[in-house]
PDB file of all heavy atoms in Angstrom:
ATOM      1  N   GLY A   1     178.884 101.585 121.259  1.00  0.00           N
ATOM      2  CA  GLY A   1     177.826 101.530 120.224  1.00  0.00           C
ATOM      3  C   GLY A   1     177.886 100.290 119.386  1.00  0.00           C
ATOM      4  O   GLY A   1     177.216 100.215 118.259  1.00  0.00           O
ATOM      5  N   HIS A   2     178.758  99.304 119.701  1.00  0.00           N
ATOM      6  CA  HIS A   2     178.861  98.077 118.925  1.00  0.00           C
ATOM      7  C   HIS A   2     177.818  97.034 119.409  1.00  0.00           C
ATOM      8  O   HIS A   2     177.505  96.996 120.576  1.00  0.00           O
ATOM      9  CB  HIS A   2     180.264  97.434 119.064  1.00  0.00           C
ATOM     10  CG  HIS A   2     181.325  98.366 118.613  1.00  0.00           C
ATOM     11  ND1 HIS A   2     181.527  98.705 117.358  1.00  0.00           N
ATOM     12  CD2 HIS A   2     182.299  99.034 119.366  1.00  0.00           C
ATOM     13  CE1 HIS A   2     182.480  99.541 117.194  1.00  0.00           C
ATOM     14  NE2 HIS A   2     182.971  99.741 118.477  1.00  0.00           N
ATOM     15  N   VAL A   3     177.370  96.169 118.499  1.00  0.00           N
ATOM     16  CA  VAL A   3     176.384  95.066 118.852  1.00  0.00           C
ATOM     17  C   VAL A   3     177.085  94.184 119.665  1.00  0.00           C
ATOM     18  O   VAL A   3     178.264  93.723 119.471  1.00  0.00           O
ATOM     19  CB  VAL A   3     175.856  94.428 117.563  1.00  0.00           C
ATOM     20  CG1 VAL A   3     175.149  93.197 117.877  1.00  0.00           C
ATOM     21  CG2 VAL A   3     174.935  95.366 116.806  1.00  0.00           C
ATOM     22  N   ALA A   4     176.474  93.733 120.820  1.00  0.00           N
ATOM     23  CA  ALA A   4     176.908  92.700 121.655  1.00  0.00           C
ATOM     24  C   ALA A   4     175.635  91.786 121.794  1.00  0.00           C
ATOM     25  O   ALA A   4     174.742  92.074 122.472  1.00  0.00           O
ATOM     26  CB  ALA A   4     177.309  93.149 122.999  1.00  0.00           C
ATOM     27  N   ASP A   5     175.739  90.617 121.018  1.00  0.00           N
ATOM     28  CA  ASP A   5     174.563  89.700 120.907  1.00  0.00           C
ATOM     29  C   ASP A   5     174.803  88.501 121.839  1.00  0.00           C
ATOM     30  O   ASP A   5     175.613  87.671 121.513  1.00  0.00           O
ATOM     31  CB  ASP A   5     174.232  89.202 119.471  1.00  0.00           C
ATOM     32  CG  ASP A   5     172.994  88.522 119.376  1.00  0.00           C
ATOM     33  OD1 ASP A   5     172.523  87.958 120.369  1.00  0.00           O
ATOM     34  OD2 ASP A   5     172.412  88.513 118.235  1.00  0.00           O
ATOM     35  N   PRO A   6     174.117  88.459 122.935  1.00  0.00           N
ATOM     36  CA  PRO A   6     174.405  87.370 123.896  1.00  0.00           C
ATOM     37  C   PRO A   6     173.687  86.077 123.509  1.00  0.00           C
ATOM     38  O   PRO A   6     173.705  84.981 124.303  1.00  0.00           O
ATOM     39  CB  PRO A   6     173.824  87.857 125.221  1.00  0.00           C
ATOM     40  CG  PRO A   6     172.755  88.837 124.855  1.00  0.00           C
ATOM     41  CD  PRO A   6     173.149  89.441 123.527  1.00  0.00           C
ATOM     42  N   ALA A   7     172.935  85.977 122.402  1.00  0.00           N
ATOM     43  CA  ALA A   7     172.256  84.833 121.990  1.00  0.00           C
ATOM     44  C   ALA A   7     172.580  84.148 120.624  1.00  0.00           C
ATOM     45  O   ALA A   7     172.466  83.019 120.523  1.00  0.00           O
ATOM     46  CB  ALA A   7     170.667  85.148 122.019  1.00  0.00           C
ATOM     47  N   LEU A   8     173.086  84.985 119.716  1.00  0.00           N
ATOM     48  CA  LEU A   8     173.441  84.399 118.382  1.00  0.00           C
ATOM     49  C   LEU A   8     174.992  84.209 118.333  1.00  0.00           C
ATOM     50  O   LEU A   8     175.723  85.220 118.569  1.00  0.00           O
ATOM     51  CB  LEU A   8     172.978  85.259 117.304  1.00  0.00           C
ATOM     52  CG  LEU A   8     171.509  85.199 116.889  1.00  0.00           C
ATOM     53  CD1 LEU A   8     171.132  86.135 115.794  1.00  0.00           C
ATOM     54  CD2 LEU A   8     171.025  83.780 116.589  1.00  0.00           C
ATOM     55  N   PRO A   9     175.454  83.036 117.984  1.00  0.00           N
ATOM     56  CA  PRO A   9     176.880  82.921 117.708  1.00  0.00           C
ATOM     57  C   PRO A   9     177.414  83.771 116.729  1.00  0.00           C
ATOM     58  O   PRO A   9     176.749  84.104 115.717  1.00  0.00           O
ATOM     59  CB  PRO A   9     176.985  81.401 117.340  1.00  0.00           C
ATOM     60  CG  PRO A   9     175.809  80.735 117.851  1.00  0.00           C
ATOM     61  CD  PRO A   9     174.753  81.814 117.781  1.00  0.00           C
ATOM     62  N   ASP A  10     178.687  84.255 116.850  1.00  0.00           N
ATOM     63  CA  ASP A  10     179.326  85.171 115.874  1.00  0.00           C
ATOM     64  C   ASP A  10     179.208  84.617 114.509  1.00  0.00           C
ATOM     65  O   ASP A  10     179.277  83.411 114.252  1.00  0.00           O
ATOM     66  CB  ASP A  10     180.775  85.329 116.212  1.00  0.00           C
ATOM     67  CG  ASP A  10     180.924  86.131 117.501  1.00  0.00           C
ATOM     68  OD1 ASP A  10     179.951  86.716 118.025  1.00  0.00           O
ATOM     69  OD2 ASP A  10     182.093  86.232 117.959  1.00  0.00           O
ATOM     70  N   GLY A  11     178.951  85.488 113.508  1.00  0.00           N
ATOM     71  CA  GLY A  11     178.881  85.043 112.128  1.00  0.00           C
ATOM     72  C   GLY A  11     177.470  84.708 111.628  1.00  0.00           C
ATOM     73  O   GLY A  11     177.226  84.599 110.391  1.00  0.00           O
ATOM     74  N   MET A  12     176.549  84.549 112.504  1.00  0.00           N
ATOM     75  CA  MET A  12     175.187  84.108 112.071  1.00  0.00           C
ATOM     76  C   MET A  12     174.449  85.358 111.542  1.00  0.00           C
ATOM     77  O   MET A  12     173.737  85.261 110.539  1.00  0.00           O
ATOM     78  CB  MET A  12     174.391  83.450 113.171  1.00  0.00           C
ATOM     79  CG  MET A  12     174.938  82.017 113.441  1.00  0.00           C
ATOM     80  SD  MET A  12     173.794  81.090 114.502  1.00  0.00           S
ATOM     81  CE  MET A  12     172.436  80.773 113.495  1.00  0.00           C
ATOM     82  N   ALA A  13     174.404  86.366 112.287  1.00  0.00           N
ATOM     83  CA  ALA A  13     173.623  87.636 111.982  1.00  0.00           C
ATOM     84  C   ALA A  13     174.303  88.418 110.966  1.00  0.00           C
ATOM     85  O   ALA A  13     175.544  88.544 110.854  1.00  0.00           O
ATOM     86  CB  ALA A  13     173.424  88.494 113.207  1.00  0.00           C
ATOM     87  N   HIS A  14     173.524  88.794 109.889  1.00  0.00           N
ATOM     88  CA  HIS A  14     174.012  89.724 108.885  1.00  0.00           C
ATOM     89  C   HIS A  14     173.681  91.151 109.090  1.00  0.00           C
ATOM     90  O   HIS A  14     174.097  92.036 108.405  1.00  0.00           O
ATOM     91  CB  HIS A  14     173.595  89.254 107.449  1.00  0.00           C
ATOM     92  CG  HIS A  14     174.223  88.071 106.990  1.00  0.00           C
ATOM     93  ND1 HIS A  14     174.546  87.743 105.723  1.00  0.00           N
ATOM     94  CD2 HIS A  14     174.621  86.903 107.756  1.00  0.00           C
ATOM     95  CE1 HIS A  14     175.105  86.703 105.579  1.00  0.00           C
ATOM     96  NE2 HIS A  14     175.161  86.029 106.779  1.00  0.00           N
ATOM     97  N   GLY A  15     172.803  91.445 110.033  1.00  0.00           N
ATOM     98  CA  GLY A  15     172.426  92.788 110.359  1.00  0.00           C
ATOM     99  C   GLY A  15     171.274  92.767 111.405  1.00  0.00           C
ATOM    100  O   GLY A  15     170.632  91.865 111.578  1.00  0.00           O
ATOM    101  N   TYR A  16     171.207  94.000 112.144  1.00  0.00           N
ATOM    102  CA  TYR A  16     170.219  94.143 113.185  1.00  0.00           C
ATOM    103  C   TYR A  16     169.431  95.404 112.845  1.00  0.00           C
ATOM    104  O   TYR A  16     170.049  96.470 112.487  1.00  0.00           O
ATOM    105  CB  TYR A  16     170.940  94.288 114.479  1.00  0.00           C
ATOM    106  CG  TYR A  16     171.698  93.051 114.938  1.00  0.00           C
ATOM    107  CD1 TYR A  16     172.968  92.856 114.383  1.00  0.00           C
ATOM    108  CD2 TYR A  16     171.222  92.204 115.815  1.00  0.00           C
ATOM    109  CE1 TYR A  16     173.721  91.675 114.900  1.00  0.00           C
ATOM    110  CE2 TYR A  16     171.874  91.087 116.263  1.00  0.00           C
ATOM    111  CZ  TYR A  16     173.176  90.800 115.748  1.00  0.00           C
ATOM    112  OH  TYR A  16     173.813  89.702 116.215  1.00  0.00           O
ATOM    113  N   LEU A  17     168.151  95.450 113.045  1.00  0.00           N
ATOM    114  CA  LEU A  17     167.376  96.650 113.030  1.00  0.00           C
ATOM    115  C   LEU A  17     166.544  96.701 114.249  1.00  0.00           C
ATOM    116  O   LEU A  17     165.640  95.851 114.555  1.00  0.00           O
ATOM    117  CB  LEU A  17     166.425  96.603 111.819  1.00  0.00           C
ATOM    118  CG  LEU A  17     165.622  97.751 111.528  1.00  0.00           C
ATOM    119  CD1 LEU A  17     166.398  99.060 111.301  1.00  0.00           C
ATOM    120  CD2 LEU A  17     164.647  97.636 110.348  1.00  0.00           C
ATOM    121  N   GLY A  18     166.805  97.723 115.091  1.00  0.00           N
ATOM    122  CA  GLY A  18     166.083  97.806 116.398  1.00  0.00           C
ATOM    123  C   GLY A  18     166.029  99.061 117.052  1.00  0.00           C
ATOM    124  O   GLY A  18     166.642 100.067 116.522  1.00  0.00           O
ATOM    125  N   ILE A  19     165.337  99.086 118.263  1.00  0.00           N
ATOM    126  CA  ILE A  19     165.126 100.381 118.960  1.00  0.00           C
ATOM    127  C   ILE A  19     165.895 100.144 120.239  1.00  0.00           C
ATOM    128  O   ILE A  19     165.499  99.307 121.115  1.00  0.00           O
ATOM    129  CB  ILE A  19     163.682 100.585 119.313  1.00  0.00           C
ATOM    130  CG1 ILE A  19     162.815 100.586 117.956  1.00  0.00           C
ATOM    131  CG2 ILE A  19     163.425 101.849 120.044  1.00  0.00           C
ATOM    132  CD1 ILE A  19     161.354 100.578 118.117  1.00  0.00           C
ATOM    133  N   PRO A  20     166.904 101.062 120.564  1.00  0.00           N
ATOM    134  CA  PRO A  20     167.567 100.966 121.896  1.00  0.00           C
ATOM    135  C   PRO A  20     166.563 101.588 122.964  1.00  0.00           C
ATOM    136  O   PRO A  20     165.767 102.481 122.560  1.00  0.00           O
ATOM    137  CB  PRO A  20     168.737 101.894 121.789  1.00  0.00           C
ATOM    138  CG  PRO A  20     168.521 102.680 120.473  1.00  0.00           C
ATOM    139  CD  PRO A  20     167.436 101.990 119.638  1.00  0.00           C
ATOM    140  N   LEU A  21     166.465 100.908 124.096  1.00  0.00           N
ATOM    141  CA  LEU A  21     165.474 101.248 125.150  1.00  0.00           C
ATOM    142  C   LEU A  21     166.310 101.585 126.412  1.00  0.00           C
ATOM    143  O   LEU A  21     167.267 101.030 126.756  1.00  0.00           O
ATOM    144  CB  LEU A  21     164.600 100.130 125.477  1.00  0.00           C
ATOM    145  CG  LEU A  21     163.721  99.718 124.159  1.00  0.00           C
ATOM    146  CD1 LEU A  21     163.012  98.471 124.471  1.00  0.00           C
ATOM    147  CD2 LEU A  21     162.748 100.867 123.765  1.00  0.00           C
ATOM    148  N   THR A  22     165.784 102.653 127.168  1.00  0.00           N
ATOM    149  CA  THR A  22     166.330 102.962 128.371  1.00  0.00           C
ATOM    150  C   THR A  22     166.152 101.945 129.424  1.00  0.00           C
ATOM    151  O   THR A  22     165.224 101.226 129.390  1.00  0.00           O
ATOM    152  CB  THR A  22     165.806 104.306 129.025  1.00  0.00           C
ATOM    153  OG1 THR A  22     164.380 104.099 129.201  1.00  0.00           O
ATOM    154  CG2 THR A  22     166.040 105.463 127.961  1.00  0.00           C
ATOM    155  N   ALA A  23     167.015 101.809 130.427  1.00  0.00           N
ATOM    156  CA  ALA A  23     166.877 100.739 131.458  1.00  0.00           C
ATOM    157  C   ALA A  23     165.582 100.953 132.218  1.00  0.00           C
ATOM    158  O   ALA A  23     164.916  99.989 132.541  1.00  0.00           O
ATOM    159  CB  ALA A  23     168.130 100.758 132.298  1.00  0.00           C
ATOM    160  N   ALA A  24     165.363 102.285 132.598  1.00  0.00           N
ATOM    161  CA  ALA A  24     164.080 102.410 133.395  1.00  0.00           C
ATOM    162  C   ALA A  24     162.893 102.073 132.694  1.00  0.00           C
ATOM    163  O   ALA A  24     161.982 101.401 133.262  1.00  0.00           O
ATOM    164  CB  ALA A  24     164.018 103.920 133.792  1.00  0.00           C
ATOM    165  N   PHE A  25     162.746 102.390 131.349  1.00  0.00           N
ATOM    166  CA  PHE A  25     161.543 101.971 130.641  1.00  0.00           C
ATOM    167  C   PHE A  25     161.555 100.470 130.441  1.00  0.00           C
ATOM    168  O   PHE A  25     160.500  99.800 130.624  1.00  0.00           O
ATOM    169  CB  PHE A  25     161.600 102.616 129.197  1.00  0.00           C
ATOM    170  CG  PHE A  25     160.509 102.228 128.370  1.00  0.00           C
ATOM    171  CD1 PHE A  25     159.172 102.720 128.618  1.00  0.00           C
ATOM    172  CD2 PHE A  25     160.606 101.410 127.267  1.00  0.00           C
ATOM    173  CE1 PHE A  25     158.143 102.333 127.731  1.00  0.00           C
ATOM    174  CE2 PHE A  25     159.594 100.953 126.408  1.00  0.00           C
ATOM    175  CZ  PHE A  25     158.244 101.514 126.716  1.00  0.00           C
ATOM    176  N   ARG A  26     162.636  99.814 130.120  1.00  0.00           N
ATOM    177  CA  ARG A  26     162.723  98.403 129.962  1.00  0.00           C
ATOM    178  C   ARG A  26     162.296  97.693 131.267  1.00  0.00           C
ATOM    179  O   ARG A  26     161.388  96.809 131.196  1.00  0.00           O
ATOM    180  CB  ARG A  26     164.138  97.915 129.586  1.00  0.00           C
ATOM    181  CG  ARG A  26     164.331  96.398 129.595  1.00  0.00           C
ATOM    182  CD  ARG A  26     165.693  96.069 129.167  1.00  0.00           C
ATOM    183  NE  ARG A  26     166.768  96.735 129.853  1.00  0.00           N
ATOM    184  CZ  ARG A  26     167.406  96.232 130.944  1.00  0.00           C
ATOM    185  NH1 ARG A  26     166.969  95.095 131.456  1.00  0.00           N
ATOM    186  NH2 ARG A  26     168.413  96.823 131.470  1.00  0.00           N
ATOM    187  N   HIS A  27     162.810  98.073 132.392  1.00  0.00           N
ATOM    188  CA  HIS A  27     162.477  97.467 133.694  1.00  0.00           C
ATOM    189  C   HIS A  27     160.954  97.609 134.011  1.00  0.00           C
ATOM    190  O   HIS A  27     160.324  96.659 134.428  1.00  0.00           O
ATOM    191  CB  HIS A  27     163.257  98.019 134.820  1.00  0.00           C
ATOM    192  CG  HIS A  27     164.774  97.623 134.835  1.00  0.00           C
ATOM    193  ND1 HIS A  27     165.696  98.485 135.022  1.00  0.00           N
ATOM    194  CD2 HIS A  27     165.306  96.499 134.520  1.00  0.00           C
ATOM    195  CE1 HIS A  27     166.896  97.925 134.946  1.00  0.00           C
ATOM    196  NE2 HIS A  27     166.635  96.620 134.647  1.00  0.00           N
ATOM    197  N   ALA A  28     160.443  98.790 133.710  1.00  0.00           N
ATOM    198  CA  ALA A  28     159.017  99.030 134.067  1.00  0.00           C
ATOM    199  C   ALA A  28     158.117  98.126 133.172  1.00  0.00           C
ATOM    200  O   ALA A  28     157.137  97.506 133.641  1.00  0.00           O
ATOM    201  CB  ALA A  28     158.717 100.453 133.829  1.00  0.00           C
ATOM    202  N   GLN A  29     158.501  98.054 131.933  1.00  0.00           N
ATOM    203  CA  GLN A  29     157.696  97.267 130.935  1.00  0.00           C
ATOM    204  C   GLN A  29     157.795  95.739 131.247  1.00  0.00           C
ATOM    205  O   GLN A  29     156.814  94.964 131.238  1.00  0.00           O
ATOM    206  CB  GLN A  29     158.025  97.503 129.450  1.00  0.00           C
ATOM    207  CG  GLN A  29     157.642  98.820 128.971  1.00  0.00           C
ATOM    208  CD  GLN A  29     156.075  98.986 128.956  1.00  0.00           C
ATOM    209  OE1 GLN A  29     155.373  98.181 128.447  1.00  0.00           O
ATOM    210  NE2 GLN A  29     155.544 100.011 129.630  1.00  0.00           N
ATOM    211  N   GLN A  30     158.985  95.331 131.605  1.00  0.00           N
ATOM    212  CA  GLN A  30     159.153  93.876 131.966  1.00  0.00           C
ATOM    213  C   GLN A  30     158.427  93.556 133.114  1.00  0.00           C
ATOM    214  O   GLN A  30     157.826  92.470 133.278  1.00  0.00           O
ATOM    215  CB  GLN A  30     160.675  93.513 132.029  1.00  0.00           C
ATOM    216  CG  GLN A  30     161.437  93.607 130.763  1.00  0.00           C
ATOM    217  CD  GLN A  30     162.925  93.541 130.919  1.00  0.00           C
ATOM    218  OE1 GLN A  30     163.508  94.092 131.880  1.00  0.00           O
ATOM    219  NE2 GLN A  30     163.533  92.990 129.981  1.00  0.00           N
ATOM    220  N   HIS A  31     158.424  94.413 134.208  1.00  0.00           N
ATOM    221  CA  HIS A  31     157.659  94.118 135.368  1.00  0.00           C
ATOM    222  C   HIS A  31     156.111  94.135 135.114  1.00  0.00           C
ATOM    223  O   HIS A  31     155.434  93.264 135.582  1.00  0.00           O
ATOM    224  CB  HIS A  31     158.015  95.192 136.502  1.00  0.00           C
ATOM    225  CG  HIS A  31     157.241  95.012 137.705  1.00  0.00           C
ATOM    226  ND1 HIS A  31     157.544  94.066 138.664  1.00  0.00           N
ATOM    227  CD2 HIS A  31     156.215  95.744 138.219  1.00  0.00           C
ATOM    228  CE1 HIS A  31     156.712  94.106 139.636  1.00  0.00           C
ATOM    229  NE2 HIS A  31     155.828  95.156 139.358  1.00  0.00           N
ATOM    230  N   HIS A  32     155.704  95.138 134.348  1.00  0.00           N
ATOM    231  CA  HIS A  32     154.286  95.271 134.028  1.00  0.00           C
ATOM    232  C   HIS A  32     153.808  94.040 133.274  1.00  0.00           C
ATOM    233  O   HIS A  32     152.680  93.552 133.486  1.00  0.00           O
ATOM    234  CB  HIS A  32     154.044  96.517 133.286  1.00  0.00           C
ATOM    235  CG  HIS A  32     152.651  96.750 132.750  1.00  0.00           C
ATOM    236  ND1 HIS A  32     151.580  97.037 133.535  1.00  0.00           N
ATOM    237  CD2 HIS A  32     152.193  96.657 131.507  1.00  0.00           C
ATOM    238  CE1 HIS A  32     150.471  97.114 132.841  1.00  0.00           C
ATOM    239  NE2 HIS A  32     150.838  96.945 131.555  1.00  0.00           N
ATOM    240  N   ARG A  33     154.581  93.608 132.272  1.00  0.00           N
ATOM    241  CA  ARG A  33     154.151  92.564 131.418  1.00  0.00           C
ATOM    242  C   ARG A  33     154.455  91.111 131.887  1.00  0.00           C
ATOM    243  O   ARG A  33     153.949  90.127 131.423  1.00  0.00           O
ATOM    244  CB  ARG A  33     154.759  92.728 130.041  1.00  0.00           C
ATOM    245  CG  ARG A  33     154.447  94.040 129.317  1.00  0.00           C
ATOM    246  CD  ARG A  33     155.096  94.125 127.975  1.00  0.00           C
ATOM    247  NE  ARG A  33     154.442  93.065 127.193  1.00  0.00           N
ATOM    248  CZ  ARG A  33     155.063  92.403 126.214  1.00  0.00           C
ATOM    249  NH1 ARG A  33     156.295  92.663 125.899  1.00  0.00           N
ATOM    250  NH2 ARG A  33     154.417  91.482 125.534  1.00  0.00           N
ATOM    251  N   GLY A  34     155.365  91.026 132.842  1.00  0.00           N
ATOM    252  CA  GLY A  34     155.788  89.743 133.414  1.00  0.00           C
ATOM    253  C   GLY A  34     156.612  88.859 132.478  1.00  0.00           C
ATOM    254  O   GLY A  34     156.515  87.692 132.406  1.00  0.00           O
ATOM    255  N   THR A  35     157.330  89.552 131.690  1.00  0.00           N
ATOM    256  CA  THR A  35     158.201  88.903 130.567  1.00  0.00           C
ATOM    257  C   THR A  35     159.450  89.713 130.261  1.00  0.00           C
ATOM    258  O   THR A  35     159.453  90.852 130.644  1.00  0.00           O
ATOM    259  CB  THR A  35     157.433  88.663 129.282  1.00  0.00           C
ATOM    260  OG1 THR A  35     158.164  87.871 128.432  1.00  0.00           O
ATOM    261  CG2 THR A  35     157.004  89.989 128.674  1.00  0.00           C
ATOM    262  N   ASP A  36     160.361  89.053 129.720  1.00  0.00           N
ATOM    263  CA  ASP A  36     161.729  89.741 129.461  1.00  0.00           C
ATOM    264  C   ASP A  36     161.572  90.641 128.192  1.00  0.00           C
ATOM    265  O   ASP A  36     162.341  91.570 128.108  1.00  0.00           O
ATOM    266  CB  ASP A  36     162.843  88.734 129.259  1.00  0.00           C
ATOM    267  CG  ASP A  36     163.288  88.036 130.593  1.00  0.00           C
ATOM    268  OD1 ASP A  36     163.405  88.745 131.496  1.00  0.00           O
ATOM    269  OD2 ASP A  36     163.295  86.789 130.611  1.00  0.00           O
ATOM    270  N   ALA A  37     160.740  90.400 127.294  1.00  0.00           N
ATOM    271  CA  ALA A  37     160.620  91.132 126.046  1.00  0.00           C
ATOM    272  C   ALA A  37     159.806  92.401 126.366  1.00  0.00           C
ATOM    273  O   ALA A  37     158.855  92.367 127.264  1.00  0.00           O
ATOM    274  CB  ALA A  37     159.809  90.260 124.986  1.00  0.00           C
ATOM    275  N   VAL A  38     160.158  93.439 125.766  1.00  0.00           N
ATOM    276  CA  VAL A  38     159.554  94.812 126.137  1.00  0.00           C
ATOM    277  C   VAL A  38     158.435  95.129 125.031  1.00  0.00           C
ATOM    278  O   VAL A  38     157.294  95.434 125.337  1.00  0.00           O
ATOM    279  CB  VAL A  38     160.594  95.894 126.051  1.00  0.00           C
ATOM    280  CG1 VAL A  38     159.927  97.265 126.261  1.00  0.00           C
ATOM    281  CG2 VAL A  38     161.574  95.682 127.174  1.00  0.00           C
ATOM    282  N   CYS A  39     158.752  95.020 123.755  1.00  0.00           N
ATOM    283  CA  CYS A  39     157.839  95.455 122.708  1.00  0.00           C
ATOM    284  C   CYS A  39     157.163  94.267 121.955  1.00  0.00           C
ATOM    285  O   CYS A  39     156.057  94.342 121.538  1.00  0.00           O
ATOM    286  CB  CYS A  39     158.562  96.206 121.655  1.00  0.00           C
ATOM    287  SG  CYS A  39     159.291  97.716 122.247  1.00  0.00           S
ATOM    288  N   THR A  40     157.785  93.124 121.982  1.00  0.00           N
ATOM    289  CA  THR A  40     157.254  91.981 121.233  1.00  0.00           C
ATOM    290  C   THR A  40     156.956  90.817 122.191  1.00  0.00           C
ATOM    291  O   THR A  40     157.062  90.859 123.324  1.00  0.00           O
ATOM    292  CB  THR A  40     158.350  91.617 120.215  1.00  0.00           C
ATOM    293  OG1 THR A  40     157.725  90.594 119.331  1.00  0.00           O
ATOM    294  CG2 THR A  40     159.585  91.028 120.868  1.00  0.00           C
ATOM    295  N   SER A  41     156.467  89.725 121.517  1.00  0.00           N
ATOM    296  CA  SER A  41     156.235  88.509 122.339  1.00  0.00           C
ATOM    297  C   SER A  41     157.500  87.855 122.694  1.00  0.00           C
ATOM    298  O   SER A  41     158.493  87.987 121.967  1.00  0.00           O
ATOM    299  CB  SER A  41     155.250  87.636 121.621  1.00  0.00           C
ATOM    300  OG  SER A  41     155.781  87.245 120.362  1.00  0.00           O
ATOM    301  N   ASP A  42     157.457  87.096 123.736  1.00  0.00           N
ATOM    302  CA  ASP A  42     158.695  86.389 124.222  1.00  0.00           C
ATOM    303  C   ASP A  42     158.411  84.910 124.223  1.00  0.00           C
ATOM    304  O   ASP A  42     157.402  84.450 124.871  1.00  0.00           O
ATOM    305  CB  ASP A  42     158.931  86.861 125.737  1.00  0.00           C
ATOM    306  CG  ASP A  42     160.106  86.204 126.299  1.00  0.00           C
ATOM    307  OD1 ASP A  42     160.731  85.206 125.693  1.00  0.00           O
ATOM    308  OD2 ASP A  42     160.750  86.708 127.312  1.00  0.00           O
ATOM    309  N   PRO A  43     159.056  84.060 123.488  1.00  0.00           N
ATOM    310  CA  PRO A  43     158.804  82.712 123.396  1.00  0.00           C
ATOM    311  C   PRO A  43     158.786  81.937 124.756  1.00  0.00           C
ATOM    312  O   PRO A  43     158.114  80.987 124.939  1.00  0.00           O
ATOM    313  CB  PRO A  43     159.954  82.075 122.520  1.00  0.00           C
ATOM    314  CG  PRO A  43     160.504  83.151 121.786  1.00  0.00           C
ATOM    315  CD  PRO A  43     160.238  84.450 122.584  1.00  0.00           C
ATOM    316  N   SER A  44     159.459  82.514 125.786  1.00  0.00           N
ATOM    317  CA  SER A  44     159.491  81.917 127.107  1.00  0.00           C
ATOM    318  C   SER A  44     158.207  82.174 127.816  1.00  0.00           C
ATOM    319  O   SER A  44     157.984  81.587 128.910  1.00  0.00           O
ATOM    320  CB  SER A  44     160.713  82.419 127.856  1.00  0.00           C
ATOM    321  OG  SER A  44     160.625  83.708 128.217  1.00  0.00           O
ATOM    322  N   ASN A  45     157.405  83.165 127.437  1.00  0.00           N
ATOM    323  CA  ASN A  45     156.154  83.569 127.985  1.00  0.00           C
ATOM    324  C   ASN A  45     155.127  83.931 126.858  1.00  0.00           C
ATOM    325  O   ASN A  45     154.801  85.082 126.816  1.00  0.00           O
ATOM    326  CB  ASN A  45     156.277  84.682 128.972  1.00  0.00           C
ATOM    327  CG  ASN A  45     155.018  85.063 129.686  1.00  0.00           C
ATOM    328  OD1 ASN A  45     153.960  84.420 129.476  1.00  0.00           O
ATOM    329  ND2 ASN A  45     155.082  86.026 130.613  1.00  0.00           N
TER     330      ASN A  45
END
């Protein structure tokens, strides 16, 4: 249950507020939307 942030270097973030998502739901939404983001916009798309 610990945060593992693969994008922000340690010490930058002061807190996280988010929704954990199941792998099945995430995969379906990513496929449907054609982007890595599930709920929000993705700067790469």
